[in-house]
PDB file of all heavy atoms in Angstrom:
ATOM      1  N   GLY A   1       6.266   7.273   3.328  1.00  0.00           N
ATOM      2  CA  GLY A   1       5.468   8.309   2.707  1.00  0.00           C
ATOM      3  C   GLY A   1       6.278   9.589   2.654  1.00  0.00           C
ATOM      4  O   GLY A   1       7.460   9.622   2.995  1.00  0.00           O
ATOM      5  N   GLY A   2       5.639  10.658   2.231  1.00  0.00           N
ATOM      6  CA  GLY A   2       6.333  11.929   2.208  1.00  0.00           C
ATOM      7  C   GLY A   2       6.066  12.717   0.959  1.00  0.00           C
ATOM      8  O   GLY A   2       5.132  12.436   0.212  1.00  0.00           O
ATOM      9  N   LEU A   3       6.902  13.715   0.755  1.00  0.00           N
ATOM     10  CA  LEU A   3       6.775  14.643  -0.367  1.00  0.00           C
ATOM     11  C   LEU A   3       7.895  14.372  -1.366  1.00  0.00           C
ATOM     12  O   LEU A   3       9.060  14.267  -0.971  1.00  0.00           O
ATOM     13  CB  LEU A   3       6.856  16.083   0.134  1.00  0.00           C
ATOM     14  CG  LEU A   3       6.890  17.199  -0.905  1.00  0.00           C
ATOM     15  CD1 LEU A   3       5.589  17.241  -1.689  1.00  0.00           C
ATOM     16  CD2 LEU A   3       7.159  18.542  -0.225  1.00  0.00           C
ATOM     17  N   VAL A   4       7.530  14.271  -2.643  1.00  0.00           N
ATOM     18  CA  VAL A   4       8.516  14.018  -3.684  1.00  0.00           C
ATOM     19  C   VAL A   4       8.124  14.796  -4.933  1.00  0.00           C
ATOM     20  O   VAL A   4       6.936  15.057  -5.154  1.00  0.00           O
ATOM     21  CB  VAL A   4       8.623  12.499  -3.974  1.00  0.00           C
ATOM     22  CG1 VAL A   4       7.323  11.958  -4.515  1.00  0.00           C
ATOM     23  CG2 VAL A   4       9.766  12.182  -4.900  1.00  0.00           C
ATOM     24  N   GLN A   5       9.108  15.167  -5.727  1.00  0.00           N
ATOM     25  CA  GLN A   5       8.817  15.867  -6.970  1.00  0.00           C
ATOM     26  C   GLN A   5       8.373  14.886  -8.043  1.00  0.00           C
ATOM     27  O   GLN A   5       8.735  13.700  -8.018  1.00  0.00           O
ATOM     28  CB  GLN A   5      10.053  16.619  -7.446  1.00  0.00           C
ATOM     29  CG  GLN A   5      10.379  17.851  -6.609  1.00  0.00           C
ATOM     30  CD  GLN A   5      11.471  18.687  -7.251  1.00  0.00           C
ATOM     31  OE1 GLN A   5      12.330  18.176  -7.949  1.00  0.00           O
ATOM     32  NE2 GLN A   5      11.426  19.995  -6.996  1.00  0.00           N
ATOM     33  N   ALA A   6       7.612  15.383  -8.990  1.00  0.00           N
ATOM     34  CA  ALA A   6       7.188  14.553 -10.114  1.00  0.00           C
ATOM     35  C   ALA A   6       8.410  13.963 -10.809  1.00  0.00           C
ATOM     36  O   ALA A   6       9.424  14.638 -10.999  1.00  0.00           O
ATOM     37  CB  ALA A   6       6.376  15.388 -11.093  1.00  0.00           C
ATOM     38  N   GLY A   7       8.279  12.678 -11.160  1.00  0.00           N
ATOM     39  CA  GLY A   7       9.390  11.969 -11.774  1.00  0.00           C
ATOM     40  C   GLY A   7      10.269  11.254 -10.777  1.00  0.00           C
ATOM     41  O   GLY A   7      11.123  10.441 -11.163  1.00  0.00           O
ATOM     42  N   GLY A   8      10.070  11.541  -9.508  1.00  0.00           N
ATOM     43  CA  GLY A   8      10.890  10.936  -8.473  1.00  0.00           C
ATOM     44  C   GLY A   8      10.376   9.573  -8.044  1.00  0.00           C
ATOM     45  O   GLY A   8       9.413   9.036  -8.610  1.00  0.00           O
ATOM     46  N   SER A   9      11.035   9.034  -7.031  1.00  0.00           N
ATOM     47  CA  SER A   9      10.707   7.700  -6.531  1.00  0.00           C
ATOM     48  C   SER A   9      10.495   7.737  -5.024  1.00  0.00           C
ATOM     49  O   SER A   9      11.029   8.615  -4.326  1.00  0.00           O
ATOM     50  CB  SER A   9      11.832   6.712  -6.845  1.00  0.00           C
ATOM     51  OG  SER A   9      12.014   6.570  -8.238  1.00  0.00           O
ATOM     52  N   LEU A  10       9.739   6.765  -4.575  1.00  0.00           N
ATOM     53  CA  LEU A  10       9.473   6.625  -3.155  1.00  0.00           C
ATOM     54  C   LEU A  10       9.196   5.152  -2.876  1.00  0.00           C
ATOM     55  O   LEU A  10       8.615   4.456  -3.726  1.00  0.00           O
ATOM     56  CB  LEU A  10       8.265   7.470  -2.764  1.00  0.00           C
ATOM     57  CG  LEU A  10       8.083   7.938  -1.329  1.00  0.00           C
ATOM     58  CD1 LEU A  10       9.282   8.769  -0.870  1.00  0.00           C
ATOM     59  CD2 LEU A  10       6.805   8.763  -1.217  1.00  0.00           C
ATOM     60  N   ARG A  11       9.602   4.682  -1.720  1.00  0.00           N
ATOM     61  CA  ARG A  11       9.341   3.294  -1.350  1.00  0.00           C
ATOM     62  C   ARG A  11       8.533   3.268  -0.065  1.00  0.00           C
ATOM     63  O   ARG A  11       8.967   3.823   0.948  1.00  0.00           O
ATOM     64  CB  ARG A  11      10.643   2.535  -1.148  1.00  0.00           C
ATOM     65  CG  ARG A  11      10.460   1.029  -0.916  1.00  0.00           C
ATOM     66  CD  ARG A  11      11.783   0.386  -0.630  1.00  0.00           C
ATOM     67  NE  ARG A  11      11.741  -1.075  -0.701  1.00  0.00           N
ATOM     68  CZ  ARG A  11      12.293  -1.864   0.202  1.00  0.00           C
ATOM     69  NH1 ARG A  11      12.921  -1.334   1.230  1.00  0.00           N
ATOM     70  NH2 ARG A  11      12.228  -3.179   0.063  1.00  0.00           N
ATOM     71  N   LEU A  12       7.375   2.639  -0.130  1.00  0.00           N
ATOM     72  CA  LEU A  12       6.545   2.465   1.050  1.00  0.00           C
ATOM     73  C   LEU A  12       6.780   1.081   1.634  1.00  0.00           C
ATOM     74  O   LEU A  12       7.005   0.120   0.899  1.00  0.00           O
ATOM     75  CB  LEU A  12       5.068   2.613   0.712  1.00  0.00           C
ATOM     76  CG  LEU A  12       4.632   3.940   0.084  1.00  0.00           C
ATOM     77  CD1 LEU A  12       3.122   3.929  -0.155  1.00  0.00           C
ATOM     78  CD2 LEU A  12       5.030   5.117   0.952  1.00  0.00           C
ATOM     79  N   SER A  13       6.711   0.998   2.931  1.00  0.00           N
ATOM     80  CA  SER A  13       6.820  -0.299   3.586  1.00  0.00           C
ATOM     81  C   SER A  13       5.664  -0.473   4.561  1.00  0.00           C
ATOM     82  O   SER A  13       5.104   0.507   5.066  1.00  0.00           O
ATOM     83  CB  SER A  13       8.156  -0.430   4.322  1.00  0.00           C
ATOM     84  OG  SER A  13       8.271   0.564   5.322  1.00  0.00           O
ATOM     85  N   CYS A  14       5.331  -1.708   4.795  1.00  0.00           N
ATOM     86  CA  CYS A  14       4.249  -2.052   5.718  1.00  0.00           C
ATOM     87  C   CYS A  14       4.726  -3.223   6.560  1.00  0.00           C
ATOM     88  O   CYS A  14       5.013  -4.302   6.012  1.00  0.00           O
ATOM     89  CB  CYS A  14       2.990  -2.414   4.956  1.00  0.00           C
ATOM     90  SG  CYS A  14       1.615  -2.974   5.998  1.00  0.00           S
ATOM     91  N   ALA A  15       4.827  -3.012   7.848  1.00  0.00           N
ATOM     92  CA  ALA A  15       5.273  -4.061   8.762  1.00  0.00           C
ATOM     93  C   ALA A  15       4.073  -4.699   9.432  1.00  0.00           C
ATOM     94  O   ALA A  15       3.168  -3.991   9.892  1.00  0.00           O
ATOM     95  CB  ALA A  15       6.212  -3.473   9.809  1.00  0.00           C
ATOM     96  N   THR A  16       4.087  -6.004   9.494  1.00  0.00           N
ATOM     97  CA  THR A  16       2.960  -6.724  10.084  1.00  0.00           C
ATOM     98  C   THR A  16       3.357  -7.330  11.427  1.00  0.00           C
ATOM     99  O   THR A  16       4.529  -7.553  11.718  1.00  0.00           O
ATOM    100  CB  THR A  16       2.490  -7.857   9.173  1.00  0.00           C
ATOM    101  OG1 THR A  16       3.536  -8.838   9.084  1.00  0.00           O
ATOM    102  CG2 THR A  16       2.171  -7.343   7.785  1.00  0.00           C
ATOM    103  N   SER A  17       2.344  -7.617  12.229  1.00  0.00           N
ATOM    104  CA  SER A  17       2.532  -8.355  13.475  1.00  0.00           C
ATOM    105  C   SER A  17       1.215  -9.017  13.827  1.00  0.00           C
ATOM    106  O   SER A  17       0.176  -8.695  13.266  1.00  0.00           O
ATOM    107  CB  SER A  17       3.007  -7.430  14.601  1.00  0.00           C
ATOM    108  OG  SER A  17       2.055  -6.431  14.862  1.00  0.00           O
ATOM    109  N   GLY A  18       1.264  -9.949  14.760  1.00  0.00           N
ATOM    110  CA  GLY A  18       0.055 -10.664  15.147  1.00  0.00           C
ATOM    111  C   GLY A  18      -0.070 -11.979  14.394  1.00  0.00           C
ATOM    112  O   GLY A  18       0.917 -12.657  14.146  1.00  0.00           O
ATOM    113  N   SER A  19      -1.263 -12.315  14.000  1.00  0.00           N
ATOM    114  CA  SER A  19      -1.555 -13.612  13.373  1.00  0.00           C
ATOM    115  C   SER A  19      -1.253 -13.585  11.871  1.00  0.00           C
ATOM    116  O   SER A  19      -2.121 -13.833  11.033  1.00  0.00           O
ATOM    117  CB  SER A  19      -3.019 -13.983  13.611  1.00  0.00           C
ATOM    118  OG  SER A  19      -3.316 -14.050  14.992  1.00  0.00           O
ATOM    119  N   ILE A  20      -0.001 -13.335  11.547  1.00  0.00           N
ATOM    120  CA  ILE A  20       0.357 -13.180  10.135  1.00  0.00           C
ATOM    121  C   ILE A  20       0.314 -14.503   9.383  1.00  0.00           C
ATOM    122  O   ILE A  20       0.281 -14.517   8.158  1.00  0.00           O
ATOM    123  CB  ILE A  20       1.732 -12.509   9.975  1.00  0.00           C
ATOM    124  CG1 ILE A  20       2.833 -13.370  10.590  1.00  0.00           C
ATOM    125  CG2 ILE A  20       1.722 -11.118  10.592  1.00  0.00           C
ATOM    126  CD1 ILE A  20       4.232 -12.813  10.322  1.00  0.00           C
ATOM    127  N   PHE A  21       0.292 -15.627  10.103  1.00  0.00           N
ATOM    128  CA  PHE A  21       0.216 -16.924   9.432  1.00  0.00           C
ATOM    129  C   PHE A  21      -1.106 -17.087   8.680  1.00  0.00           C
ATOM    130  O   PHE A  21      -1.234 -17.925   7.803  1.00  0.00           O
ATOM    131  CB  PHE A  21       0.373 -18.056  10.451  1.00  0.00           C
ATOM    132  CG  PHE A  21      -0.640 -18.010  11.565  1.00  0.00           C
ATOM    133  CD1 PHE A  21      -1.886 -18.612  11.424  1.00  0.00           C
ATOM    134  CD2 PHE A  21      -0.359 -17.357  12.754  1.00  0.00           C
ATOM    135  CE1 PHE A  21      -2.818 -18.565  12.440  1.00  0.00           C
ATOM    136  CE2 PHE A  21      -1.290 -17.298  13.777  1.00  0.00           C
ATOM    137  CZ  PHE A  21      -2.525 -17.902  13.618  1.00  0.00           C
ATOM    138  N   SER A  22      -2.106 -16.274   9.042  1.00  0.00           N
ATOM    139  CA  SER A  22      -3.423 -16.353   8.406  1.00  0.00           C
ATOM    140  C   SER A  22      -3.510 -15.565   7.100  1.00  0.00           C
ATOM    141  O   SER A  22      -4.476 -15.697   6.350  1.00  0.00           O
ATOM    142  CB  SER A  22      -4.498 -15.833   9.363  1.00  0.00           C
ATOM    143  OG  SER A  22      -4.534 -16.593  10.550  1.00  0.00           O
ATOM    144  N   ILE A  23      -2.509 -14.737   6.843  1.00  0.00           N
ATOM    145  CA  ILE A  23      -2.557 -13.859   5.667  1.00  0.00           C
ATOM    146  C   ILE A  23      -2.391 -14.666   4.385  1.00  0.00           C
ATOM    147  O   ILE A  23      -1.495 -15.507   4.291  1.00  0.00           O
ATOM    148  CB  ILE A  23      -1.464 -12.789   5.754  1.00  0.00           C
ATOM    149  CG1 ILE A  23      -1.716 -11.871   6.952  1.00  0.00           C
ATOM    150  CG2 ILE A  23      -1.425 -11.956   4.465  1.00  0.00           C
ATOM    151  CD1 ILE A  23      -0.593 -10.885   7.216  1.00  0.00           C
ATOM    152  N   TYR A  24      -3.239 -14.408   3.392  1.00  0.00           N
ATOM    153  CA  TYR A  24      -3.055 -15.039   2.100  1.00  0.00           C
ATOM    154  C   TYR A  24      -2.823 -14.034   0.978  1.00  0.00           C
ATOM    155  O   TYR A  24      -2.485 -14.417  -0.149  1.00  0.00           O
ATOM    156  CB  TYR A  24      -4.217 -15.967   1.745  1.00  0.00           C
ATOM    157  CG  TYR A  24      -5.560 -15.301   1.590  1.00  0.00           C
ATOM    158  CD1 TYR A  24      -5.920 -14.684   0.394  1.00  0.00           C
ATOM    159  CD2 TYR A  24      -6.471 -15.286   2.630  1.00  0.00           C
ATOM    160  CE1 TYR A  24      -7.146 -14.074   0.238  1.00  0.00           C
ATOM    161  CE2 TYR A  24      -7.705 -14.686   2.487  1.00  0.00           C
ATOM    162  CZ  TYR A  24      -8.033 -14.085   1.285  1.00  0.00           C
ATOM    163  OH  TYR A  24      -9.252 -13.478   1.147  1.00  0.00           O
ATOM    164  N   ALA A  25      -2.999 -12.763   1.255  1.00  0.00           N
ATOM    165  CA  ALA A  25      -2.686 -11.726   0.273  1.00  0.00           C
ATOM    166  C   ALA A  25      -2.529 -10.395   0.996  1.00  0.00           C
ATOM    167  O   ALA A  25      -3.132 -10.181   2.057  1.00  0.00           O
ATOM    168  CB  ALA A  25      -3.775 -11.616  -0.790  1.00  0.00           C
ATOM    169  N   MET A  26      -1.728  -9.527   0.407  1.00  0.00           N
ATOM    170  CA  MET A  26      -1.597  -8.168   0.924  1.00  0.00           C
ATOM    171  C   MET A  26      -1.586  -7.207  -0.236  1.00  0.00           C
ATOM    172  O   MET A  26      -1.269  -7.579  -1.374  1.00  0.00           O
ATOM    173  CB  MET A  26      -0.330  -8.013   1.759  1.00  0.00           C
ATOM    174  CG  MET A  26      -0.382  -8.762   3.083  1.00  0.00           C
ATOM    175  SD  MET A  26       0.988  -8.363   4.183  1.00  0.00           S
ATOM    176  CE  MET A  26       0.584  -6.677   4.642  1.00  0.00           C
ATOM    177  N   GLY A  27      -1.934  -5.981   0.064  1.00  0.00           N
ATOM    178  CA  GLY A  27      -1.983  -5.000  -1.005  1.00  0.00           C
ATOM    179  C   GLY A  27      -1.827  -3.593  -0.512  1.00  0.00           C
ATOM    180  O   GLY A  27      -1.749  -3.339   0.698  1.00  0.00           O
ATOM    181  N   TRP A  28      -1.763  -2.703  -1.466  1.00  0.00           N
ATOM    182  CA  TRP A  28      -1.738  -1.267  -1.206  1.00  0.00           C
ATOM    183  C   TRP A  28      -2.937  -0.642  -1.914  1.00  0.00           C
ATOM    184  O   TRP A  28      -3.192  -0.923  -3.088  1.00  0.00           O
ATOM    185  CB  TRP A  28      -0.452  -0.644  -1.734  1.00  0.00           C
ATOM    186  CG  TRP A  28       0.755  -1.010  -0.935  1.00  0.00           C
ATOM    187  CD1 TRP A  28       1.615  -2.029  -1.170  1.00  0.00           C
ATOM    188  CD2 TRP A  28       1.224  -0.350   0.241  1.00  0.00           C
ATOM    189  NE1 TRP A  28       2.595  -2.061  -0.212  1.00  0.00           N
ATOM    190  CE2 TRP A  28       2.381  -1.030   0.669  1.00  0.00           C
ATOM    191  CE3 TRP A  28       0.790   0.747   0.974  1.00  0.00           C
ATOM    192  CZ2 TRP A  28       3.117  -0.644   1.790  1.00  0.00           C
ATOM    193  CZ3 TRP A  28       1.518   1.134   2.097  1.00  0.00           C
ATOM    194  CH2 TRP A  28       2.656   0.441   2.495  1.00  0.00           C
ATOM    195  N   TYR A  29      -3.628   0.196  -1.179  1.00  0.00           N
ATOM    196  CA  TYR A  29      -4.731   0.972  -1.711  1.00  0.00           C
ATOM    197  C   TYR A  29      -4.391   2.446  -1.512  1.00  0.00           C
ATOM    198  O   TYR A  29      -3.520   2.794  -0.727  1.00  0.00           O
ATOM    199  CB  TYR A  29      -6.031   0.648  -0.975  1.00  0.00           C
ATOM    200  CG  TYR A  29      -6.599  -0.717  -1.276  1.00  0.00           C
ATOM    201  CD1 TYR A  29      -5.969  -1.874  -0.817  1.00  0.00           C
ATOM    202  CD2 TYR A  29      -7.769  -0.857  -2.006  1.00  0.00           C
ATOM    203  CE1 TYR A  29      -6.491  -3.128  -1.090  1.00  0.00           C
ATOM    204  CE2 TYR A  29      -8.312  -2.110  -2.282  1.00  0.00           C
ATOM    205  CZ  TYR A  29      -7.662  -3.246  -1.812  1.00  0.00           C
ATOM    206  OH  TYR A  29      -8.184  -4.477  -2.088  1.00  0.00           O
ATOM    207  N   ARG A  30      -5.096   3.299  -2.220  1.00  0.00           N
ATOM    208  CA  ARG A  30      -4.916   4.730  -2.019  1.00  0.00           C
ATOM    209  C   ARG A  30      -6.238   5.454  -2.135  1.00  0.00           C
ATOM    210  O   ARG A  30      -7.160   4.990  -2.799  1.00  0.00           O
ATOM    211  CB  ARG A  30      -3.901   5.300  -3.004  1.00  0.00           C
ATOM    212  CG  ARG A  30      -4.359   5.298  -4.455  1.00  0.00           C
ATOM    213  CD  ARG A  30      -3.214   5.762  -5.347  1.00  0.00           C
ATOM    214  NE  ARG A  30      -3.602   5.791  -6.757  1.00  0.00           N
ATOM    215  CZ  ARG A  30      -2.760   6.020  -7.755  1.00  0.00           C
ATOM    216  NH1 ARG A  30      -1.461   6.240  -7.497  1.00  0.00           N
ATOM    217  NH2 ARG A  30      -3.194   6.049  -8.995  1.00  0.00           N
ATOM    218  N   GLN A  31      -6.277   6.593  -1.463  1.00  0.00           N
ATOM    219  CA  GLN A  31      -7.474   7.425  -1.513  1.00  0.00           C
ATOM    220  C   GLN A  31      -7.057   8.886  -1.626  1.00  0.00           C
ATOM    221  O   GLN A  31      -6.402   9.425  -0.725  1.00  0.00           O
ATOM    222  CB  GLN A  31      -8.343   7.216  -0.277  1.00  0.00           C
ATOM    223  CG  GLN A  31      -9.687   7.915  -0.356  1.00  0.00           C
ATOM    224  CD  GLN A  31     -10.649   7.434   0.717  1.00  0.00           C
ATOM    225  OE1 GLN A  31     -10.254   6.826   1.707  1.00  0.00           O
ATOM    226  NE2 GLN A  31     -11.924   7.696   0.509  1.00  0.00           N
ATOM    227  N   ALA A  32      -7.443   9.482  -2.726  1.00  0.00           N
ATOM    228  CA  ALA A  32      -7.186  10.906  -2.940  1.00  0.00           C
ATOM    229  C   ALA A  32      -8.385  11.698  -2.438  1.00  0.00           C
ATOM    230  O   ALA A  32      -9.494  11.164  -2.338  1.00  0.00           O
ATOM    231  CB  ALA A  32      -6.950  11.171  -4.422  1.00  0.00           C
ATOM    232  N   PRO A  33      -8.198  12.980  -2.119  1.00  0.00           N
ATOM    233  CA  PRO A  33      -9.310  13.800  -1.625  1.00  0.00           C
ATOM    234  C   PRO A  33     -10.490  13.786  -2.583  1.00  0.00           C
ATOM    235  O   PRO A  33     -10.325  13.976  -3.797  1.00  0.00           O
ATOM    236  CB  PRO A  33      -8.694  15.194  -1.530  1.00  0.00           C
ATOM    237  CG  PRO A  33      -7.246  14.941  -1.326  1.00  0.00           C
ATOM    238  CD  PRO A  33      -6.936  13.716  -2.130  1.00  0.00           C
ATOM    239  N   GLY A  34     -11.665  13.503  -2.065  1.00  0.00           N
ATOM    240  CA  GLY A  34     -12.873  13.509  -2.864  1.00  0.00           C
ATOM    241  C   GLY A  34     -13.071  12.294  -3.731  1.00  0.00           C
ATOM    242  O   GLY A  34     -14.014  12.231  -4.529  1.00  0.00           O
ATOM    243  N   LYS A  35     -12.192  11.308  -3.599  1.00  0.00           N
ATOM    244  CA  LYS A  35     -12.290  10.107  -4.420  1.00  0.00           C
ATOM    245  C   LYS A  35     -12.425   8.871  -3.547  1.00  0.00           C
ATOM    246  O   LYS A  35     -12.108   8.884  -2.367  1.00  0.00           O
ATOM    247  CB  LYS A  35     -11.061   9.974  -5.316  1.00  0.00           C
ATOM    248  CG  LYS A  35     -10.953  11.067  -6.359  1.00  0.00           C
ATOM    249  CD  LYS A  35      -9.827  10.771  -7.331  1.00  0.00           C
ATOM    250  CE  LYS A  35      -9.759  11.808  -8.430  1.00  0.00           C
ATOM    251  NZ  LYS A  35      -8.669  11.521  -9.408  1.00  0.00           N
ATOM    252  N   GLN A  36     -12.890   7.794  -4.164  1.00  0.00           N
ATOM    253  CA  GLN A  36     -13.010   6.538  -3.446  1.00  0.00           C
ATOM    254  C   GLN A  36     -11.645   5.872  -3.308  1.00  0.00           C
ATOM    255  O   GLN A  36     -10.726   6.105  -4.111  1.00  0.00           O
ATOM    256  CB  GLN A  36     -13.970   5.605  -4.197  1.00  0.00           C
ATOM    257  CG  GLN A  36     -15.431   6.029  -4.140  1.00  0.00           C
ATOM    258  CD  GLN A  36     -16.352   4.970  -4.716  1.00  0.00           C
ATOM    259  OE1 GLN A  36     -15.965   4.231  -5.613  1.00  0.00           O
ATOM    260  NE2 GLN A  36     -17.564   4.891  -4.200  1.00  0.00           N
ATOM    261  N   ARG A  37     -11.543   5.040  -2.293  1.00  0.00           N
ATOM    262  CA  ARG A  37     -10.322   4.261  -2.125  1.00  0.00           C
ATOM    263  C   ARG A  37     -10.218   3.262  -3.281  1.00  0.00           C
ATOM    264  O   ARG A  37     -11.207   2.625  -3.654  1.00  0.00           O
ATOM    265  CB  ARG A  37     -10.348   3.526  -0.788  1.00  0.00           C
ATOM    266  CG  ARG A  37      -9.037   2.874  -0.409  1.00  0.00           C
ATOM    267  CD  ARG A  37      -9.090   2.298   0.990  1.00  0.00           C
ATOM    268  NE  ARG A  37      -9.296   3.328   2.008  1.00  0.00           N
ATOM    269  CZ  ARG A  37      -9.215   3.099   3.320  1.00  0.00           C
ATOM    270  NH1 ARG A  37      -8.929   1.866   3.757  1.00  0.00           N
ATOM    271  NH2 ARG A  37      -9.427   4.068   4.170  1.00  0.00           N
ATOM    272  N   GLU A  38      -9.014   3.130  -3.837  1.00  0.00           N
ATOM    273  CA  GLU A  38      -8.820   2.241  -4.969  1.00  0.00           C
ATOM    274  C   GLU A  38      -7.611   1.341  -4.752  1.00  0.00           C
ATOM    275  O   GLU A  38      -6.646   1.716  -4.073  1.00  0.00           O
ATOM    276  CB  GLU A  38      -8.609   3.051  -6.256  1.00  0.00           C
ATOM    277  CG  GLU A  38      -7.372   3.930  -6.251  1.00  0.00           C
ATOM    278  CD  GLU A  38      -7.127   4.624  -7.583  1.00  0.00           C
ATOM    279  OE1 GLU A  38      -7.883   4.385  -8.547  1.00  0.00           O
ATOM    280  OE2 GLU A  38      -6.146   5.392  -7.668  1.00  0.00           O
ATOM    281  N   LEU A  39      -7.693   0.170  -5.359  1.00  0.00           N
ATOM    282  CA  LEU A  39      -6.570  -0.758  -5.295  1.00  0.00           C
ATOM    283  C   LEU A  39      -5.421  -0.237  -6.152  1.00  0.00           C
ATOM    284  O   LEU A  39      -5.625   0.163  -7.297  1.00  0.00           O
ATOM    285  CB  LEU A  39      -6.996  -2.130  -5.795  1.00  0.00           C
ATOM    286  CG  LEU A  39      -5.875  -3.169  -5.924  1.00  0.00           C
ATOM    287  CD1 LEU A  39      -5.353  -3.568  -4.563  1.00  0.00           C
ATOM    288  CD2 LEU A  39      -6.376  -4.387  -6.695  1.00  0.00           C
ATOM    289  N   VAL A  40      -4.231  -0.253  -5.593  1.00  0.00           N
ATOM    290  CA  VAL A  40      -3.031   0.110  -6.332  1.00  0.00           C
ATOM    291  C   VAL A  40      -2.295  -1.151  -6.783  1.00  0.00           C
ATOM    292  O   VAL A  40      -1.962  -1.306  -7.946  1.00  0.00           O
ATOM    293  CB  VAL A  40      -2.094   0.973  -5.468  1.00  0.00           C
ATOM    294  CG1 VAL A  40      -0.800   1.271  -6.218  1.00  0.00           C
ATOM    295  CG2 VAL A  40      -2.787   2.258  -5.050  1.00  0.00           C
ATOM    296  N   ALA A  41      -2.042  -2.040  -5.851  1.00  0.00           N
ATOM    297  CA  ALA A  41      -1.321  -3.273  -6.155  1.00  0.00           C
ATOM    298  C   ALA A  41      -1.641  -4.310  -5.095  1.00  0.00           C
ATOM    299  O   ALA A  41      -1.923  -3.968  -3.947  1.00  0.00           O
ATOM    300  CB  ALA A  41       0.182  -3.026  -6.204  1.00  0.00           C
ATOM    301  N   ARG A  42      -1.602  -5.568  -5.504  1.00  0.00           N
ATOM    302  CA  ARG A  42      -1.906  -6.672  -4.603  1.00  0.00           C
ATOM    303  C   ARG A  42      -0.990  -7.834  -4.925  1.00  0.00           C
ATOM    304  O   ARG A  42      -0.707  -8.093  -6.097  1.00  0.00           O
ATOM    305  CB  ARG A  42      -3.365  -7.084  -4.757  1.00  0.00           C
ATOM    306  CG  ARG A  42      -3.820  -8.257  -3.869  1.00  0.00           C
ATOM    307  CD  ARG A  42      -5.257  -8.596  -4.196  1.00  0.00           C
ATOM    308  NE  ARG A  42      -5.804  -9.667  -3.366  1.00  0.00           N
ATOM    309  CZ  ARG A  42      -5.732 -10.956  -3.658  1.00  0.00           C
ATOM    310  NH1 ARG A  42      -5.083 -11.339  -4.749  1.00  0.00           N
ATOM    311  NH2 ARG A  42      -6.297 -11.843  -2.857  1.00  0.00           N
ATOM    312  N   ILE A  43      -0.534  -8.529  -3.876  1.00  0.00           N
ATOM    313  CA  ILE A  43       0.319  -9.697  -4.072  1.00  0.00           C
ATOM    314  C   ILE A  43      -0.190 -10.829  -3.211  1.00  0.00           C
ATOM    315  O   ILE A  43      -0.592 -10.625  -2.071  1.00  0.00           O
ATOM    316  CB  ILE A  43       1.801  -9.358  -3.760  1.00  0.00           C
ATOM    317  CG1 ILE A  43       2.712 -10.518  -4.148  1.00  0.00           C
ATOM    318  CG2 ILE A  43       1.984  -8.966  -2.299  1.00  0.00           C
ATOM    319  CD1 ILE A  43       4.191 -10.118  -4.182  1.00  0.00           C
ATOM    320  N   SER A  44      -0.206 -12.025  -3.782  1.00  0.00           N
ATOM    321  CA  SER A  44      -0.760 -13.177  -3.080  1.00  0.00           C
ATOM    322  C   SER A  44       0.354 -14.078  -2.546  1.00  0.00           C
ATOM    323  O   SER A  44       1.542 -13.846  -2.788  1.00  0.00           O
ATOM    324  CB  SER A  44      -1.663 -13.974  -4.013  1.00  0.00           C
ATOM    325  OG  SER A  44      -0.896 -14.488  -5.087  1.00  0.00           O
ATOM    326  N   THR A  45      -0.064 -15.123  -1.856  1.00  0.00           N
ATOM    327  CA  THR A  45       0.892 -16.045  -1.249  1.00  0.00           C
ATOM    328  C   THR A  45       1.864 -16.616  -2.261  1.00  0.00           C
ATOM    329  O   THR A  45       3.061 -16.743  -2.000  1.00  0.00           O
ATOM    330  CB  THR A  45       0.141 -17.187  -0.547  1.00  0.00           C
ATOM    331  OG1 THR A  45      -0.703 -16.641   0.457  1.00  0.00           O
ATOM    332  CG2 THR A  45       1.110 -18.165   0.100  1.00  0.00           C
TER     333      THR A  45
END
């Protein structure tokens, strides 16, 4: 995460642990102030 100028790039990462063998999909959601959480992207097995 962090601060970036418009037009720039950023890479988010998410590290898992625990019972990851049970996972069948993962995704990224986002929530802006005053707004509902929304799906950004999702990837399946």
